[in-house]
Amino acid sequence: MFINEGPEADVTDAPGWHEVFRRGVREPNDLVGEVRTAVEHGLHDPMDSLEMVSAAVETTGAVVTALSSPWSLYTPQDAATAAAGLFLQLEHQAEAL
């Protein structure tokens, strides 16, 4: 053990991705509201499914563009929220597949 080394972190103490994301993004924006409205209306046929997949593809590409700027995230908390959101996307995409 190094002299300056702190106590080992317990993995169970770390918040889950859902919690980290919810803490960082409290209020959904208009884009999220549109998606939620579509889901509440009902996604019942192949066209609805393909339109939602298309929206996901576009927003994922937009996230890449947004994060490509060196000023896209200001704080470690911003980075944690973005990482949590990306992991949640992967989780949902894997479930969809």
PDB file of N, CA and C in Angstrom:
ATOM      1  N   MET A   1       0.844  -1.181   0.000  1.00  0.00           N
ATOM      2  CA  MET A   1       0.000   0.000   0.000  1.00  0.00           C
ATOM      3  C   MET A   1       0.887   1.240   0.000  1.00  0.00           C
ATOM      4  N   PHE A   2       0.550   2.203  -0.852  1.00  0.00           N
ATOM      5  CA  PHE A   2       1.282   3.456  -0.890  1.00  0.00           C
ATOM      6  C   PHE A   2       0.862   4.333   0.290  1.00  0.00           C
ATOM      7  N   ILE A   3       1.731   5.219   0.689  1.00  0.00           N
ATOM      8  CA  ILE A   3       1.444   6.091   1.821  1.00  0.00           C
ATOM      9  C   ILE A   3       0.233   6.981   1.547  1.00  0.00           C
ATOM     10  N   ASN A   4       0.137   7.534   0.336  1.00  0.00           N
ATOM     11  CA  ASN A   4      -0.942   8.463   0.015  1.00  0.00           C
ATOM     12  C   ASN A   4      -2.203   7.776  -0.498  1.00  0.00           C
ATOM     13  N   GLU A   5      -2.181   6.476  -0.547  1.00  0.00           N
ATOM     14  CA  GLU A   5      -3.308   5.741  -1.108  1.00  0.00           C
ATOM     15  C   GLU A   5      -4.500   5.774  -0.152  1.00  0.00           C
ATOM     16  N   GLY A   6      -5.655   6.083  -0.670  1.00  0.00           N
ATOM     17  CA  GLY A   6      -6.870   6.101   0.137  1.00  0.00           C
ATOM     18  C   GLY A   6      -7.444   4.710   0.282  1.00  0.00           C
ATOM     19  N   PRO A   7      -8.513   4.597   1.042  1.00  0.00           N
ATOM     20  CA  PRO A   7      -9.133   3.284   1.202  1.00  0.00           C
ATOM     21  C   PRO A   7      -9.704   2.802  -0.123  1.00  0.00           C
ATOM     22  N   GLU A   8      -9.753   1.481  -0.282  1.00  0.00           N
ATOM     23  CA  GLU A   8     -10.313   0.908  -1.505  1.00  0.00           C
ATOM     24  C   GLU A   8     -11.781   1.257  -1.611  1.00  0.00           C
ATOM     25  N   ALA A   9     -12.195   1.603  -2.806  1.00  0.00           N
ATOM     26  CA  ALA A   9     -13.600   1.918  -3.033  1.00  0.00           C
ATOM     27  C   ALA A   9     -14.381   0.623  -3.168  1.00  0.00           C
ATOM     28  N   ASP A  10     -15.511   0.581  -2.545  1.00  0.00           N
ATOM     29  CA  ASP A  10     -16.398  -0.567  -2.660  1.00  0.00           C
ATOM     30  C   ASP A  10     -17.251  -0.362  -3.903  1.00  0.00           C
ATOM     31  N   VAL A  11     -17.245  -1.330  -4.801  1.00  0.00           N
ATOM     32  CA  VAL A  11     -17.989  -1.212  -6.052  1.00  0.00           C
ATOM     33  C   VAL A  11     -19.471  -0.974  -5.781  1.00  0.00           C
ATOM     34  N   THR A  12     -19.979  -1.516  -4.692  1.00  0.00           N
ATOM     35  CA  THR A  12     -21.403  -1.340  -4.382  1.00  0.00           C
ATOM     36  C   THR A  12     -21.716   0.092  -3.984  1.00  0.00           C
ATOM     37  N   ASP A  13     -20.679   0.882  -3.631  1.00  0.00           N
ATOM     38  CA  ASP A  13     -20.893   2.284  -3.281  1.00  0.00           C
ATOM     39  C   ASP A  13     -21.062   3.166  -4.515  1.00  0.00           C
ATOM     40  N   ALA A  14     -20.598   2.685  -5.656  1.00  0.00           N
ATOM     41  CA  ALA A  14     -20.663   3.488  -6.878  1.00  0.00           C
ATOM     42  C   ALA A  14     -22.110   3.537  -7.376  1.00  0.00           C
ATOM     43  N   PRO A  15     -22.585   4.739  -7.740  1.00  0.00           N
ATOM     44  CA  PRO A  15     -23.951   4.829  -8.247  1.00  0.00           C
ATOM     45  C   PRO A  15     -24.053   4.176  -9.624  1.00  0.00           C
ATOM     46  N   GLY A  16     -25.219   3.626  -9.932  1.00  0.00           N
ATOM     47  CA  GLY A  16     -25.440   3.021 -11.230  1.00  0.00           C
ATOM     48  C   GLY A  16     -25.573   4.089 -12.308  1.00  0.00           C
ATOM     49  N   TRP A  17     -25.465   3.669 -13.569  1.00  0.00           N
ATOM     50  CA  TRP A  17     -25.551   4.606 -14.688  1.00  0.00           C
ATOM     51  C   TRP A  17     -26.860   5.377 -14.678  1.00  0.00           C
ATOM     52  N   HIS A  18     -27.960   4.689 -14.345  1.00  0.00           N
ATOM     53  CA  HIS A  18     -29.269   5.354 -14.333  1.00  0.00           C
ATOM     54  C   HIS A  18     -29.273   6.516 -13.337  1.00  0.00           C
ATOM     55  N   GLU A  19     -28.735   6.261 -12.154  1.00  0.00           N
ATOM     56  CA  GLU A  19     -28.713   7.294 -11.117  1.00  0.00           C
ATOM     57  C   GLU A  19     -27.808   8.460 -11.512  1.00  0.00           C
ATOM     58  N   VAL A  20     -26.631   8.161 -12.046  1.00  0.00           N
ATOM     59  CA  VAL A  20     -25.710   9.222 -12.469  1.00  0.00           C
ATOM     60  C   VAL A  20     -26.367  10.084 -13.539  1.00  0.00           C
ATOM     61  N   PHE A  21     -27.023   9.445 -14.490  1.00  0.00           N
ATOM     62  CA  PHE A  21     -27.665  10.193 -15.570  1.00  0.00           C
ATOM     63  C   PHE A  21     -28.820  11.040 -15.036  1.00  0.00           C
ATOM     64  N   ARG A  22     -29.654  10.454 -14.172  1.00  0.00           N
ATOM     65  CA  ARG A  22     -30.796  11.204 -13.623  1.00  0.00           C
ATOM     66  C   ARG A  22     -30.349  12.410 -12.816  1.00  0.00           C
ATOM     67  N   ARG A  23     -29.243  12.273 -12.089  1.00  0.00           N
ATOM     68  CA  ARG A  23     -28.727  13.405 -11.313  1.00  0.00           C
ATOM     69  C   ARG A  23     -28.233  14.518 -12.229  1.00  0.00           C
ATOM     70  N   GLY A  24     -27.624  14.149 -13.343  1.00  0.00           N
ATOM     71  CA  GLY A  24     -27.036  15.140 -14.236  1.00  0.00           C
ATOM     72  C   GLY A  24     -28.027  15.811 -15.159  1.00  0.00           C
ATOM     73  N   VAL A  25     -29.086  15.099 -15.532  1.00  0.00           N
ATOM     74  CA  VAL A  25     -30.087  15.643 -16.454  1.00  0.00           C
ATOM     75  C   VAL A  25     -31.440  15.550 -15.764  1.00  0.00           C
ATOM     76  N   ARG A  26     -31.807  16.622 -15.100  1.00  0.00           N
ATOM     77  CA  ARG A  26     -33.044  16.596 -14.325  1.00  0.00           C
ATOM     78  C   ARG A  26     -34.262  16.935 -15.167  1.00  0.00           C
ATOM     79  N   GLU A  27     -34.125  17.898 -16.038  1.00  0.00           N
ATOM     80  CA  GLU A  27     -35.254  18.341 -16.853  1.00  0.00           C
ATOM     81  C   GLU A  27     -35.033  17.933 -18.304  1.00  0.00           C
ATOM     82  N   PRO A  28     -35.937  17.140 -18.871  1.00  0.00           N
ATOM     83  CA  PRO A  28     -35.784  16.771 -20.273  1.00  0.00           C
ATOM     84  C   PRO A  28     -35.996  17.987 -21.178  1.00  0.00           C
ATOM     85  N   ASN A  29     -35.356  17.965 -22.333  1.00  0.00           N
ATOM     86  CA  ASN A  29     -35.520  19.065 -23.277  1.00  0.00           C
ATOM     87  C   ASN A  29     -36.679  18.769 -24.232  1.00  0.00           C
ATOM     88  N   ASP A  30     -36.902  19.666 -25.180  1.00  0.00           N
ATOM     89  CA  ASP A  30     -38.017  19.516 -26.118  1.00  0.00           C
ATOM     90  C   ASP A  30     -37.906  18.247 -26.961  1.00  0.00           C
ATOM     91  N   LEU A  31     -36.685  17.881 -27.345  1.00  0.00           N
ATOM     92  CA  LEU A  31     -36.511  16.666 -28.142  1.00  0.00           C
ATOM     93  C   LEU A  31     -36.952  15.434 -27.368  1.00  0.00           C
ATOM     94  N   VAL A  32     -36.589  15.376 -26.108  1.00  0.00           N
ATOM     95  CA  VAL A  32     -36.995  14.253 -25.270  1.00  0.00           C
ATOM     96  C   VAL A  32     -38.514  14.250 -25.116  1.00  0.00           C
ATOM     97  N   GLY A  33     -39.094  15.432 -24.959  1.00  0.00           N
ATOM     98  CA  GLY A  33     -40.541  15.535 -24.838  1.00  0.00           C
ATOM     99  C   GLY A  33     -41.255  14.984 -26.065  1.00  0.00           C
ATOM    100  N   GLU A  34     -40.706  15.246 -27.248  1.00  0.00           N
ATOM    101  CA  GLU A  34     -41.309  14.733 -28.484  1.00  0.00           C
ATOM    102  C   GLU A  34     -41.288  13.210 -28.522  1.00  0.00           C
ATOM    103  N   VAL A  35     -40.174  12.632 -28.104  1.00  0.00           N
ATOM    104  CA  VAL A  35     -40.066  11.176 -28.087  1.00  0.00           C
ATOM    105  C   VAL A  35     -41.047  10.595 -27.073  1.00  0.00           C
ATOM    106  N   ARG A  36     -41.117  11.195 -25.895  1.00  0.00           N
ATOM    107  CA  ARG A  36     -42.042  10.698 -24.874  1.00  0.00           C
ATOM    108  C   ARG A  36     -43.487  10.801 -25.337  1.00  0.00           C
ATOM    109  N   THR A  37     -43.813  11.870 -26.043  1.00  0.00           N
ATOM    110  CA  THR A  37     -45.169  12.013 -26.577  1.00  0.00           C
ATOM    111  C   THR A  37     -45.465  10.906 -27.572  1.00  0.00           C
ATOM    112  N   ALA A  38     -44.506  10.593 -28.428  1.00  0.00           N
ATOM    113  CA  ALA A  38     -44.697   9.514 -29.406  1.00  0.00           C
ATOM    114  C   ALA A  38     -44.905   8.181 -28.703  1.00  0.00           C
ATOM    115  N   VAL A  39     -44.153   7.923 -27.665  1.00  0.00           N
ATOM    116  CA  VAL A  39     -44.275   6.669 -26.930  1.00  0.00           C
ATOM    117  C   VAL A  39     -45.642   6.598 -26.239  1.00  0.00           C
ATOM    118  N   GLU A  40     -46.059   7.706 -25.644  1.00  0.00           N
ATOM    119  CA  GLU A  40     -47.369   7.739 -24.979  1.00  0.00           C
ATOM    120  C   GLU A  40     -48.503   7.544 -25.979  1.00  0.00           C
ATOM    121  N   HIS A  41     -48.338   8.094 -27.170  1.00  0.00           N
ATOM    122  CA  HIS A  41     -49.349   7.943 -28.226  1.00  0.00           C
ATOM    123  C   HIS A  41     -49.458   6.475 -28.644  1.00  0.00           C
ATOM    124  N   GLY A  42     -48.342   5.815 -28.631  1.00  0.00           N
ATOM    125  CA  GLY A  42     -48.321   4.397 -28.979  1.00  0.00           C
ATOM    126  C   GLY A  42     -47.479   4.118 -30.202  1.00  0.00           C
ATOM    127  N   LEU A  43     -46.631   3.140 -30.076  1.00  0.00           N
ATOM    128  CA  LEU A  43     -45.790   2.688 -31.180  1.00  0.00           C
ATOM    129  C   LEU A  43     -46.251   1.276 -31.505  1.00  0.00           C
ATOM    130  N   HIS A  44     -47.122   1.162 -32.512  1.00  0.00           N
ATOM    131  CA  HIS A  44     -47.818  -0.099 -32.728  1.00  0.00           C
ATOM    132  C   HIS A  44     -47.496  -0.816 -34.035  1.00  0.00           C
ATOM    133  N   ASP A  45     -46.913  -0.122 -34.994  1.00  0.00           N
ATOM    134  CA  ASP A  45     -46.725  -0.780 -36.286  1.00  0.00           C
ATOM    135  C   ASP A  45     -45.293  -0.622 -36.771  1.00  0.00           C
ATOM    136  N   PRO A  46     -44.937  -1.300 -37.851  1.00  0.00           N
ATOM    137  CA  PRO A  46     -43.555  -1.235 -38.354  1.00  0.00           C
ATOM    138  C   PRO A  46     -43.096   0.189 -38.687  1.00  0.00           C
ATOM    139  N   MET A  47     -43.984   1.020 -39.190  1.00  0.00           N
ATOM    140  CA  MET A  47     -43.595   2.396 -39.523  1.00  0.00           C
ATOM    141  C   MET A  47     -43.185   3.154 -38.257  1.00  0.00           C
ATOM    142  N   ASP A  48     -43.943   2.974 -37.176  1.00  0.00           N
ATOM    143  CA  ASP A  48     -43.568   3.603 -35.906  1.00  0.00           C
ATOM    144  C   ASP A  48     -42.194   3.130 -35.453  1.00  0.00           C
ATOM    145  N   SER A  49     -41.967   1.834 -35.557  1.00  0.00           N
ATOM    146  CA  SER A  49     -40.679   1.269 -35.136  1.00  0.00           C
ATOM    147  C   SER A  49     -39.534   1.838 -35.958  1.00  0.00           C
ATOM    148  N   LEU A  50     -39.707   1.873 -37.280  1.00  0.00           N
ATOM    149  CA  LEU A  50     -38.640   2.373 -38.141  1.00  0.00           C
ATOM    150  C   LEU A  50     -38.404   3.859 -37.956  1.00  0.00           C
ATOM    151  N   GLU A  51     -39.462   4.629 -37.697  1.00  0.00           N
ATOM    152  CA  GLU A  51     -39.286   6.056 -37.438  1.00  0.00           C
ATOM    153  C   GLU A  51     -38.516   6.285 -36.140  1.00  0.00           C
ATOM    154  N   MET A  52     -38.794   5.472 -35.115  1.00  0.00           N
ATOM    155  CA  MET A  52     -38.073   5.619 -33.852  1.00  0.00           C
ATOM    156  C   MET A  52     -36.613   5.213 -34.017  1.00  0.00           C
ATOM    157  N   VAL A  53     -36.357   4.152 -34.786  1.00  0.00           N
ATOM    158  CA  VAL A  53     -34.971   3.746 -35.062  1.00  0.00           C
ATOM    159  C   VAL A  53     -34.252   4.855 -35.828  1.00  0.00           C
ATOM    160  N   SER A  54     -34.928   5.455 -36.794  1.00  0.00           N
ATOM    161  CA  SER A  54     -34.342   6.555 -37.560  1.00  0.00           C
ATOM    162  C   SER A  54     -33.994   7.732 -36.649  1.00  0.00           C
ATOM    163  N   ALA A  55     -34.890   8.066 -35.736  1.00  0.00           N
ATOM    164  CA  ALA A  55     -34.619   9.151 -34.785  1.00  0.00           C
ATOM    165  C   ALA A  55     -33.414   8.816 -33.912  1.00  0.00           C
ATOM    166  N   ALA A  56     -33.311   7.551 -33.491  1.00  0.00           N
ATOM    167  CA  ALA A  56     -32.174   7.135 -32.666  1.00  0.00           C
ATOM    168  C   ALA A  56     -30.862   7.262 -33.426  1.00  0.00           C
ATOM    169  N   VAL A  57     -30.877   6.868 -34.698  1.00  0.00           N
ATOM    170  CA  VAL A  57     -29.668   6.977 -35.523  1.00  0.00           C
ATOM    171  C   VAL A  57     -29.247   8.441 -35.656  1.00  0.00           C
ATOM    172  N   GLU A  58     -30.206   9.307 -35.950  1.00  0.00           N
ATOM    173  CA  GLU A  58     -29.899  10.734 -36.100  1.00  0.00           C
ATOM    174  C   GLU A  58     -29.372  11.338 -34.809  1.00  0.00           C
ATOM    175  N   THR A  59     -30.014  11.018 -33.675  1.00  0.00           N
ATOM    176  CA  THR A  59     -29.562  11.614 -32.417  1.00  0.00           C
ATOM    177  C   THR A  59     -28.204  11.073 -31.986  1.00  0.00           C
ATOM    178  N   THR A  60     -27.929   9.808 -32.268  1.00  0.00           N
ATOM    179  CA  THR A  60     -26.619   9.259 -31.928  1.00  0.00           C
ATOM    180  C   THR A  60     -25.529   9.955 -32.737  1.00  0.00           C
ATOM    181  N   GLY A  61     -25.801  10.189 -34.017  1.00  0.00           N
ATOM    182  CA  GLY A  61     -24.849  10.944 -34.837  1.00  0.00           C
ATOM    183  C   GLY A  61     -24.669  12.356 -34.326  1.00  0.00           C
ATOM    184  N   ALA A  62     -25.752  12.971 -33.869  1.00  0.00           N
ATOM    185  CA  ALA A  62     -25.674  14.328 -33.331  1.00  0.00           C
ATOM    186  C   ALA A  62     -24.855  14.362 -32.039  1.00  0.00           C
ATOM    187  N   VAL A  63     -24.944  13.314 -31.239  1.00  0.00           N
ATOM    188  CA  VAL A  63     -24.152  13.242 -30.009  1.00  0.00           C
ATOM    189  C   VAL A  63     -22.668  13.206 -30.351  1.00  0.00           C
ATOM    190  N   VAL A  64     -22.299  12.444 -31.360  1.00  0.00           N
ATOM    191  CA  VAL A  64     -20.896  12.391 -31.788  1.00  0.00           C
ATOM    192  C   VAL A  64     -20.427  13.785 -32.184  1.00  0.00           C
ATOM    193  N   THR A  65     -21.237  14.488 -32.948  1.00  0.00           N
ATOM    194  CA  THR A  65     -20.887  15.847 -33.359  1.00  0.00           C
ATOM    195  C   THR A  65     -20.773  16.770 -32.150  1.00  0.00           C
ATOM    196  N   ALA A  66     -21.733  16.686 -31.241  1.00  0.00           N
ATOM    197  CA  ALA A  66     -21.719  17.551 -30.059  1.00  0.00           C
ATOM    198  C   ALA A  66     -20.485  17.308 -29.197  1.00  0.00           C
ATOM    199  N   LEU A  67     -20.107  16.046 -29.026  1.00  0.00           N
ATOM    200  CA  LEU A  67     -18.972  15.728 -28.161  1.00  0.00           C
ATOM    201  C   LEU A  67     -17.620  15.925 -28.839  1.00  0.00           C
ATOM    202  N   SER A  68     -17.607  16.221 -30.132  1.00  0.00           N
ATOM    203  CA  SER A  68     -16.331  16.397 -30.831  1.00  0.00           C
ATOM    204  C   SER A  68     -15.666  17.731 -30.513  1.00  0.00           C
ATOM    205  N   SER A  69     -16.408  18.671 -29.961  1.00  0.00           N
ATOM    206  CA  SER A  69     -15.834  19.962 -29.585  1.00  0.00           C
ATOM    207  C   SER A  69     -15.043  19.827 -28.294  1.00  0.00           C
ATOM    208  N   PRO A  70     -13.865  20.460 -28.217  1.00  0.00           N
ATOM    209  CA  PRO A  70     -13.112  20.392 -26.968  1.00  0.00           C
ATOM    210  C   PRO A  70     -13.831  21.080 -25.809  1.00  0.00           C
ATOM    211  N   TRP A  71     -14.823  21.923 -26.108  1.00  0.00           N
ATOM    212  CA  TRP A  71     -15.574  22.628 -25.070  1.00  0.00           C
ATOM    213  C   TRP A  71     -16.954  22.022 -24.835  1.00  0.00           C
ATOM    214  N   SER A  72     -17.179  20.805 -25.312  1.00  0.00           N
ATOM    215  CA  SER A  72     -18.515  20.209 -25.198  1.00  0.00           C
ATOM    216  C   SER A  72     -18.877  19.849 -23.756  1.00  0.00           C
ATOM    217  N   LEU A  73     -17.895  19.575 -22.913  1.00  0.00           N
ATOM    218  CA  LEU A  73     -18.131  19.243 -21.511  1.00  0.00           C
ATOM    219  C   LEU A  73     -17.208  20.099 -20.660  1.00  0.00           C
ATOM    220  N   TYR A  74     -17.752  20.726 -19.619  1.00  0.00           N
ATOM    221  CA  TYR A  74     -16.953  21.637 -18.804  1.00  0.00           C
ATOM    222  C   TYR A  74     -16.405  21.005 -17.526  1.00  0.00           C
ATOM    223  N   THR A  75     -17.152  20.090 -16.943  1.00  0.00           N
ATOM    224  CA  THR A  75     -16.775  19.584 -15.626  1.00  0.00           C
ATOM    225  C   THR A  75     -16.705  18.052 -15.639  1.00  0.00           C
ATOM    226  N   PRO A  76     -16.061  17.490 -14.641  1.00  0.00           N
ATOM    227  CA  PRO A  76     -16.090  16.026 -14.520  1.00  0.00           C
ATOM    228  C   PRO A  76     -17.522  15.497 -14.374  1.00  0.00           C
ATOM    229  N   GLN A  77     -18.395  16.282 -13.756  1.00  0.00           N
ATOM    230  CA  GLN A  77     -19.793  15.875 -13.622  1.00  0.00           C
ATOM    231  C   GLN A  77     -20.467  15.810 -14.991  1.00  0.00           C
ATOM    232  N   ASP A  78     -20.156  16.779 -15.869  1.00  0.00           N
ATOM    233  CA  ASP A  78     -20.685  16.735 -17.237  1.00  0.00           C
ATOM    234  C   ASP A  78     -20.220  15.469 -17.946  1.00  0.00           C
ATOM    235  N   ALA A  79     -18.942  15.152 -17.790  1.00  0.00           N
ATOM    236  CA  ALA A  79     -18.389  13.957 -18.435  1.00  0.00           C
ATOM    237  C   ALA A  79     -19.040  12.691 -17.882  1.00  0.00           C
ATOM    238  N   ALA A  80     -19.267  12.652 -16.567  1.00  0.00           N
ATOM    239  CA  ALA A  80     -19.910  11.481 -15.967  1.00  0.00           C
ATOM    240  C   ALA A  80     -21.339  11.332 -16.469  1.00  0.00           C
ATOM    241  N   THR A  81     -22.060  12.437 -16.586  1.00  0.00           N
ATOM    242  CA  THR A  81     -23.433  12.390 -17.081  1.00  0.00           C
ATOM    243  C   THR A  81     -23.465  11.919 -18.528  1.00  0.00           C
ATOM    244  N   ALA A  82     -22.557  12.450 -19.346  1.00  0.00           N
ATOM    245  CA  ALA A  82     -22.500  12.038 -20.752  1.00  0.00           C
ATOM    246  C   ALA A  82     -22.140  10.558 -20.865  1.00  0.00           C
ATOM    247  N   ALA A  83     -21.150  10.122 -20.099  1.00  0.00           N
ATOM    248  CA  ALA A  83     -20.760   8.706 -20.140  1.00  0.00           C
ATOM    249  C   ALA A  83     -21.915   7.818 -19.687  1.00  0.00           C
ATOM    250  N   ALA A  84     -22.599   8.218 -18.623  1.00  0.00           N
ATOM    251  CA  ALA A  84     -23.737   7.436 -18.135  1.00  0.00           C
ATOM    252  C   ALA A  84     -24.818   7.343 -19.198  1.00  0.00           C
ATOM    253  N   GLY A  85     -25.101   8.463 -19.868  1.00  0.00           N
ATOM    254  CA  GLY A  85     -26.107   8.458 -20.929  1.00  0.00           C
ATOM    255  C   GLY A  85     -25.716   7.548 -22.082  1.00  0.00           C
ATOM    256  N   LEU A  86     -24.441   7.561 -22.437  1.00  0.00           N
ATOM    257  CA  LEU A  86     -23.984   6.698 -23.526  1.00  0.00           C
ATOM    258  C   LEU A  86     -24.064   5.220 -23.137  1.00  0.00           C
ATOM    259  N   PHE A  87     -23.730   4.914 -21.888  1.00  0.00           N
ATOM    260  CA  PHE A  87     -23.869   3.531 -21.437  1.00  0.00           C
ATOM    261  C   PHE A  87     -25.333   3.100 -21.396  1.00  0.00           C
ATOM    262  N   LEU A  88     -26.223   4.012 -21.019  1.00  0.00           N
ATOM    263  CA  LEU A  88     -27.649   3.690 -21.036  1.00  0.00           C
ATOM    264  C   LEU A  88     -28.131   3.458 -22.457  1.00  0.00           C
ATOM    265  N   GLN A  89     -27.631   4.253 -23.411  1.00  0.00           N
ATOM    266  CA  GLN A  89     -27.978   4.018 -24.818  1.00  0.00           C
ATOM    267  C   GLN A  89     -27.559   2.613 -25.234  1.00  0.00           C
ATOM    268  N   LEU A  90     -26.328   2.241 -24.898  1.00  0.00           N
ATOM    269  CA  LEU A  90     -25.840   0.894 -25.243  1.00  0.00           C
ATOM    270  C   LEU A  90     -26.707  -0.188 -24.606  1.00  0.00           C
ATOM    271  N   GLU A  91     -27.076   0.037 -23.354  1.00  0.00           N
ATOM    272  CA  GLU A  91     -27.918  -0.934 -22.647  1.00  0.00           C
ATOM    273  C   GLU A  91     -29.259  -1.108 -23.363  1.00  0.00           C
ATOM    274  N   HIS A  92     -29.888   0.011 -23.729  1.00  0.00           N
ATOM    275  CA  HIS A  92     -31.185  -0.058 -24.413  1.00  0.00           C
ATOM    276  C   HIS A  92     -31.059  -0.642 -25.818  1.00  0.00           C
ATOM    277  N   GLN A  93     -29.972  -0.294 -26.515  1.00  0.00           N
ATOM    278  CA  GLN A  93     -29.776  -0.831 -27.865  1.00  0.00           C
ATOM    279  C   GLN A  93     -29.546  -2.335 -27.820  1.00  0.00           C
ATOM    280  N   ALA A  94     -28.789  -2.794 -26.831  1.00  0.00           N
ATOM    281  CA  ALA A  94     -28.566  -4.240 -26.709  1.00  0.00           C
ATOM    282  C   ALA A  94     -29.879  -4.952 -26.419  1.00  0.00           C
ATOM    283  N   GLU A  95     -30.706  -4.363 -25.591  1.00  0.00           N
ATOM    284  CA  GLU A  95     -32.010  -4.940 -25.281  1.00  0.00           C
ATOM    285  C   GLU A  95     -32.879  -4.996 -26.545  1.00  0.00           C
ATOM    286  N   ALA A  96     -32.825  -3.940 -27.362  1.00  0.00           N
ATOM    287  CA  ALA A  96     -33.611  -3.901 -28.593  1.00  0.00           C
ATOM    288  C   ALA A  96     -33.145  -4.977 -29.565  1.00  0.00           C
ATOM    289  N   LEU A  97     -31.828  -5.157 -29.658  1.00  0.00           N
ATOM    290  CA  LEU A  97     -31.308  -6.187 -30.565  1.00  0.00           C
ATOM    291  C   LEU A  97     -31.707  -7.568 -30.096  1.00  0.00           C
TER     292      LEU A  97
END
